[in-house]
Amino acid sequence: MLAPWRLLRIALHLIRGLWLARIPYLDRTPHQRDDLVRRWSLRMLAILDIRLEVQGTARPGAKLIVANHVSWLDIVAINAVVPARFVSKAEVATWPLVGRMVTAAGTLYLQRERRRDAVRVLGLMAQALREGHTVAVFPEGTTANGHQLLPFHANMLQAAIDVAAPVQPVALNYSEPGQPISSAVAFVGDTTLAQSLWRVITARGLTVHLSILPLQVDRHADRRALADLLQSQIDQRLNELR
């Protein structure tokens, strides 16, 4: 009976998120926006019975968060600590309930099938950074299984380089009793959102380890070199957690 009860609570919490989103996200003050997102995300983790362990402190103000990507849960976990505007694939906007809510949260959507759409999104990212927002990207471009990182794509880092914004690397790892890398959380292959959600709510003792790594404040002219540096830092931290 526990899983159906959790599903009901999740649905009610999503509905509450939609109700809160009736006021346009960007019409709120930055403090109101961040506080709302943080509290909603923390509550979602609690409903899912996922413990959050955080190491490090994020820089306040505008920055680009760069994180590894394991699951849709990554967005909830990061927002519970450092509320951000995420760059996401356009398909997310069509997800039931969730799509409308993340759109209201200022998500920047990328049409991946349109090669030149990255230029448009980079412009939106740069504008958001100039306005003082925190923007978050997953440079792997898709979810991995948690055991190893996929190569980091460097193109989305160009926005931070263009406006000389600091870059905050974040390492995400999910564990459960007996498994330093949870098999329940990975959202890979042909797994649907519904299947992934069921695996998460039926798991026991899930913990998300969120490590905020040293801020990169130097001016980087080479986005490829920056991507390699961030990947190395995140990979090192994940190896320490395994």
Protein backbone atom coordinates (compact mmCIF):
# COMPACT_ATOMS: atom_id res chain seq x y z
CA MET A 1 0.00 0.00 0.00
CA LEU A 2 2.99 2.33 0.42
CA ALA A 3 3.65 2.86 -3.31
CA PRO A 4 0.04 3.84 -4.21
CA TRP A 5 0.00 6.25 -1.27
CA ARG A 6 3.23 7.84 -2.48
CA LEU A 7 1.80 8.16 -5.98
CA LEU A 8 -1.20 10.00 -4.62
CA ARG A 9 1.00 12.36 -2.59
CA ILE A 10 3.21 12.98 -5.63
CA ALA A 11 0.17 13.81 -7.76
CA LEU A 12 -1.15 16.21 -5.13
CA HIS A 13 2.26 17.87 -4.83
CA LEU A 14 2.47 18.29 -8.60
CA ILE A 15 -1.00 19.84 -8.61
CA ARG A 16 0.13 22.20 -5.87
CA GLY A 17 3.11 23.12 -8.03
CA LEU A 18 0.78 23.93 -10.90
CA TRP A 19 -1.34 26.05 -8.59
CA LEU A 20 1.74 27.95 -7.44
CA ALA A 21 2.75 28.42 -11.07
CA ARG A 22 -0.42 30.39 -11.76
CA ILE A 23 1.67 33.45 -10.91
CA PRO A 24 4.33 33.68 -13.64
CA TYR A 25 7.63 32.47 -12.24
CA LEU A 26 9.65 35.39 -13.54
CA ASP A 27 7.21 37.95 -12.06
CA ARG A 28 8.33 37.00 -8.56
CA THR A 29 11.35 38.53 -6.87
CA PRO A 30 14.54 36.41 -7.03
CA HIS A 31 14.23 35.62 -3.32
CA GLN A 32 10.59 34.56 -3.65
CA ARG A 33 11.38 32.49 -6.71
CA ASP A 34 14.29 30.65 -5.16
CA ASP A 35 12.53 30.07 -1.87
CA LEU A 36 9.46 28.67 -3.61
CA VAL A 37 11.46 26.32 -5.82
CA ARG A 38 13.69 25.17 -2.97
CA ARG A 39 10.80 24.39 -0.61
CA TRP A 40 8.78 22.62 -3.30
CA SER A 41 11.77 20.50 -4.33
CA LEU A 42 12.67 19.58 -0.75
CA ARG A 43 9.10 18.50 -0.17
CA MET A 44 9.14 16.34 -3.30
CA LEU A 45 12.30 14.56 -2.12
CA ALA A 46 10.63 13.98 1.25
CA ILE A 47 7.53 12.50 -0.40
CA LEU A 48 9.76 10.20 -2.45
CA ASP A 49 11.57 9.27 0.78
CA ILE A 50 14.93 10.29 -0.68
CA ARG A 51 17.50 11.58 1.77
CA LEU A 52 19.55 14.55 0.60
CA GLU A 53 23.21 14.85 1.57
CA VAL A 54 24.99 18.04 0.51
CA GLN A 55 28.68 18.84 0.52
CA GLY A 56 29.90 22.34 -0.27
CA THR A 57 28.23 25.70 -0.74
CA ALA A 58 27.22 27.36 -3.99
CA ARG A 59 28.21 30.89 -4.87
CA PRO A 60 25.28 33.32 -4.58
CA GLY A 61 24.21 35.26 -7.62
CA ALA A 62 24.61 34.58 -11.32
CA LYS A 63 26.47 31.42 -12.29
CA LEU A 64 26.34 28.45 -14.62
CA ILE A 65 25.83 25.12 -12.86
CA VAL A 66 27.33 22.18 -14.72
CA ALA A 67 26.31 18.72 -13.46
CA ASN A 68 26.36 15.09 -14.47
CA HIS A 69 23.01 13.66 -15.50
CA VAL A 70 21.49 10.45 -14.11
CA SER A 71 17.75 11.01 -13.84
CA TRP A 72 14.88 13.48 -13.93
CA LEU A 73 15.48 13.55 -10.18
CA ASP A 74 18.64 15.59 -10.81
CA ILE A 75 16.55 18.71 -11.39
CA VAL A 76 14.64 18.21 -8.14
CA ALA A 77 17.86 17.58 -6.19
CA ILE A 78 19.69 20.61 -7.57
CA ASN A 79 16.68 22.88 -7.10
CA ALA A 80 16.42 21.74 -3.47
CA VAL A 81 19.86 23.25 -2.90
CA VAL A 82 20.57 25.78 -5.67
CA PRO A 83 17.41 26.84 -7.53
CA ALA A 84 18.23 27.36 -11.20
CA ARG A 85 16.82 27.82 -14.67
CA PHE A 86 17.57 24.60 -16.53
CA VAL A 87 18.34 24.01 -20.16
CA SER A 88 16.22 21.03 -21.19
CA LYS A 89 15.15 19.11 -24.25
CA ALA A 90 11.95 20.49 -25.72
CA GLU A 91 10.05 17.22 -25.18
CA VAL A 92 9.90 17.91 -21.44
CA ALA A 93 7.41 20.70 -22.11
CA THR A 94 4.90 18.05 -23.26
CA TRP A 95 5.14 15.85 -20.15
CA PRO A 96 1.80 15.65 -18.27
CA LEU A 97 1.63 18.09 -15.33
CA VAL A 98 5.42 18.35 -15.11
CA GLY A 99 5.81 20.11 -18.45
CA ARG A 100 3.61 23.06 -17.55
CA MET A 101 5.29 23.45 -14.19
CA VAL A 102 8.88 23.43 -15.43
CA THR A 103 7.91 25.84 -18.18
CA ALA A 104 6.56 28.22 -15.53
CA ALA A 105 9.88 27.83 -13.71
CA GLY A 106 11.69 29.52 -16.59
CA THR A 107 13.15 26.43 -18.27
CA LEU A 108 15.07 27.13 -21.48
CA TYR A 109 14.04 24.58 -24.09
CA LEU A 110 16.37 23.27 -26.76
CA GLN A 111 15.04 21.82 -30.02
CA ARG A 112 17.77 19.22 -30.43
CA GLU A 113 16.67 18.18 -33.90
CA ARG A 114 17.35 21.74 -35.11
CA ARG A 115 21.11 22.15 -35.27
CA ARG A 116 21.03 25.95 -35.19
CA ASP A 117 18.67 26.12 -32.19
CA ALA A 118 21.69 25.90 -29.87
CA VAL A 119 22.66 29.41 -30.95
CA ARG A 120 19.26 30.74 -29.86
CA VAL A 121 19.45 28.96 -26.50
CA LEU A 122 22.99 30.21 -25.89
CA GLY A 123 21.68 33.74 -26.34
CA LEU A 124 18.91 33.13 -23.80
CA MET A 125 21.40 31.62 -21.36
CA ALA A 126 23.73 34.58 -21.69
CA GLN A 127 20.85 36.99 -21.13
CA ALA A 128 19.71 35.10 -18.03
CA LEU A 129 23.24 35.14 -16.62
CA ARG A 130 23.58 38.87 -17.23
CA GLU A 131 20.28 39.40 -15.39
CA GLY A 132 21.66 37.60 -12.35
CA HIS A 133 19.98 34.21 -12.74
CA THR A 134 21.54 30.84 -12.03
CA VAL A 135 21.40 28.64 -15.13
CA ALA A 136 22.02 24.87 -15.08
CA VAL A 137 23.09 22.50 -17.85
CA PHE A 138 23.86 18.80 -18.19
CA PRO A 139 26.73 18.74 -20.71
CA GLU A 140 26.50 14.96 -21.24
CA GLY A 141 23.40 15.78 -23.25
CA THR A 142 21.51 12.75 -21.96
CA THR A 143 21.28 10.59 -18.86
CA ALA A 144 23.96 8.04 -17.98
CA ASN A 145 23.72 4.99 -15.73
CA GLY A 146 25.65 6.54 -12.86
CA HIS A 147 28.65 4.24 -13.22
CA GLN A 148 30.59 6.42 -15.62
CA LEU A 149 30.28 9.82 -17.22
CA LEU A 150 29.51 10.33 -20.86
CA PRO A 151 31.70 12.82 -22.75
CA PHE A 152 30.89 16.43 -21.91
CA HIS A 153 29.72 18.55 -24.84
CA ALA A 154 31.29 21.99 -24.69
CA ASN A 155 28.82 24.07 -26.70
CA MET A 156 26.48 25.02 -23.81
CA LEU A 157 29.46 26.38 -21.83
CA GLN A 158 29.94 29.15 -24.36
CA ALA A 159 27.28 31.30 -22.68
CA ALA A 160 29.32 31.50 -19.48
CA ILE A 161 32.45 32.32 -21.46
CA ASP A 162 30.67 35.05 -23.43
CA VAL A 163 29.53 36.91 -20.30
CA ALA A 164 32.47 35.92 -18.05
CA ALA A 165 30.09 34.19 -15.63
CA PRO A 166 31.50 31.84 -12.96
CA VAL A 167 30.92 28.13 -13.42
CA GLN A 168 29.86 25.91 -10.49
CA PRO A 169 30.41 22.17 -11.05
CA VAL A 170 28.04 19.81 -9.22
CA ALA A 171 28.43 16.04 -8.84
CA LEU A 172 25.33 13.90 -8.33
CA ASN A 173 25.31 10.33 -7.07
CA TYR A 174 22.40 8.16 -5.91
CA SER A 175 22.86 5.26 -3.52
CA GLU A 176 20.71 2.75 -1.70
CA PRO A 177 21.52 0.15 0.96
CA GLY A 178 24.08 -2.29 -0.46
CA GLN A 179 24.45 -0.27 -3.67
CA PRO A 180 26.80 2.75 -3.72
CA ILE A 181 25.32 3.44 -7.16
CA SER A 182 21.56 2.92 -7.16
CA SER A 183 20.10 0.82 -9.96
CA ALA A 184 16.62 2.18 -9.26
CA VAL A 185 17.33 5.78 -10.20
CA ALA A 186 19.08 5.53 -13.57
CA PHE A 187 16.75 6.86 -16.28
CA VAL A 188 18.37 5.33 -19.36
CA GLY A 189 17.57 3.38 -22.51
CA ASP A 190 13.91 2.75 -23.27
CA THR A 191 12.78 3.44 -19.70
CA THR A 192 9.67 5.62 -19.66
CA LEU A 193 9.01 8.36 -17.13
CA ALA A 194 6.26 6.25 -15.56
CA GLN A 195 8.55 3.23 -15.24
CA SER A 196 11.30 5.35 -13.73
CA LEU A 197 8.91 6.90 -11.22
CA TRP A 198 7.66 3.46 -10.15
CA ARG A 199 11.22 2.22 -9.61
CA VAL A 200 12.00 5.24 -7.47
CA ILE A 201 8.92 5.06 -5.26
CA THR A 202 9.31 1.31 -4.70
CA ALA A 203 13.00 1.60 -3.77
CA ARG A 204 14.03 1.72 -0.12
CA GLY A 205 16.64 3.90 1.50
CA LEU A 206 17.54 6.09 -1.48
CA THR A 207 20.03 8.87 -0.86
CA VAL A 208 21.12 11.58 -3.28
CA HIS A 209 24.64 12.86 -2.67
CA LEU A 210 25.02 16.37 -4.08
CA SER A 211 28.57 17.73 -4.07
CA ILE A 212 29.14 21.39 -4.90
CA LEU A 213 32.70 21.56 -6.22
CA PRO A 214 35.13 24.51 -6.33
CA LEU A 215 33.90 27.45 -8.36
CA GLN A 216 35.61 28.16 -11.66
CA VAL A 217 36.01 31.94 -11.86
CA ASP A 218 38.88 32.27 -14.33
CA ARG A 219 38.15 33.52 -17.81
CA HIS A 220 38.14 30.54 -20.15
CA ALA A 221 38.71 31.24 -23.82
CA ASP A 222 38.56 27.56 -24.76
CA ARG A 223 35.24 25.92 -24.00
CA ARG A 224 36.64 22.45 -24.82
CA ALA A 225 39.34 22.85 -22.20
CA LEU A 226 36.72 24.06 -19.71
CA ALA A 227 34.49 21.06 -20.44
CA ASP A 228 37.41 18.66 -19.92
CA LEU A 229 38.30 20.34 -16.62
CA LEU A 230 34.72 20.16 -15.31
CA GLN A 231 34.34 16.54 -16.38
CA SER A 232 37.57 15.64 -14.59
CA GLN A 233 36.47 17.36 -11.37
CA ILE A 234 33.03 15.74 -11.35
CA ASP A 235 34.43 12.32 -12.22
CA GLN A 236 36.97 12.53 -9.41
CA ARG A 237 34.27 13.36 -6.89
CA LEU A 238 32.01 10.55 -8.08
CA ASN A 239 34.87 8.07 -7.76
CA GLU A 240 35.33 9.20 -4.16
CA LEU A 241 31.67 8.42 -3.42
CA ARG A 242 31.72 4.92 -4.92
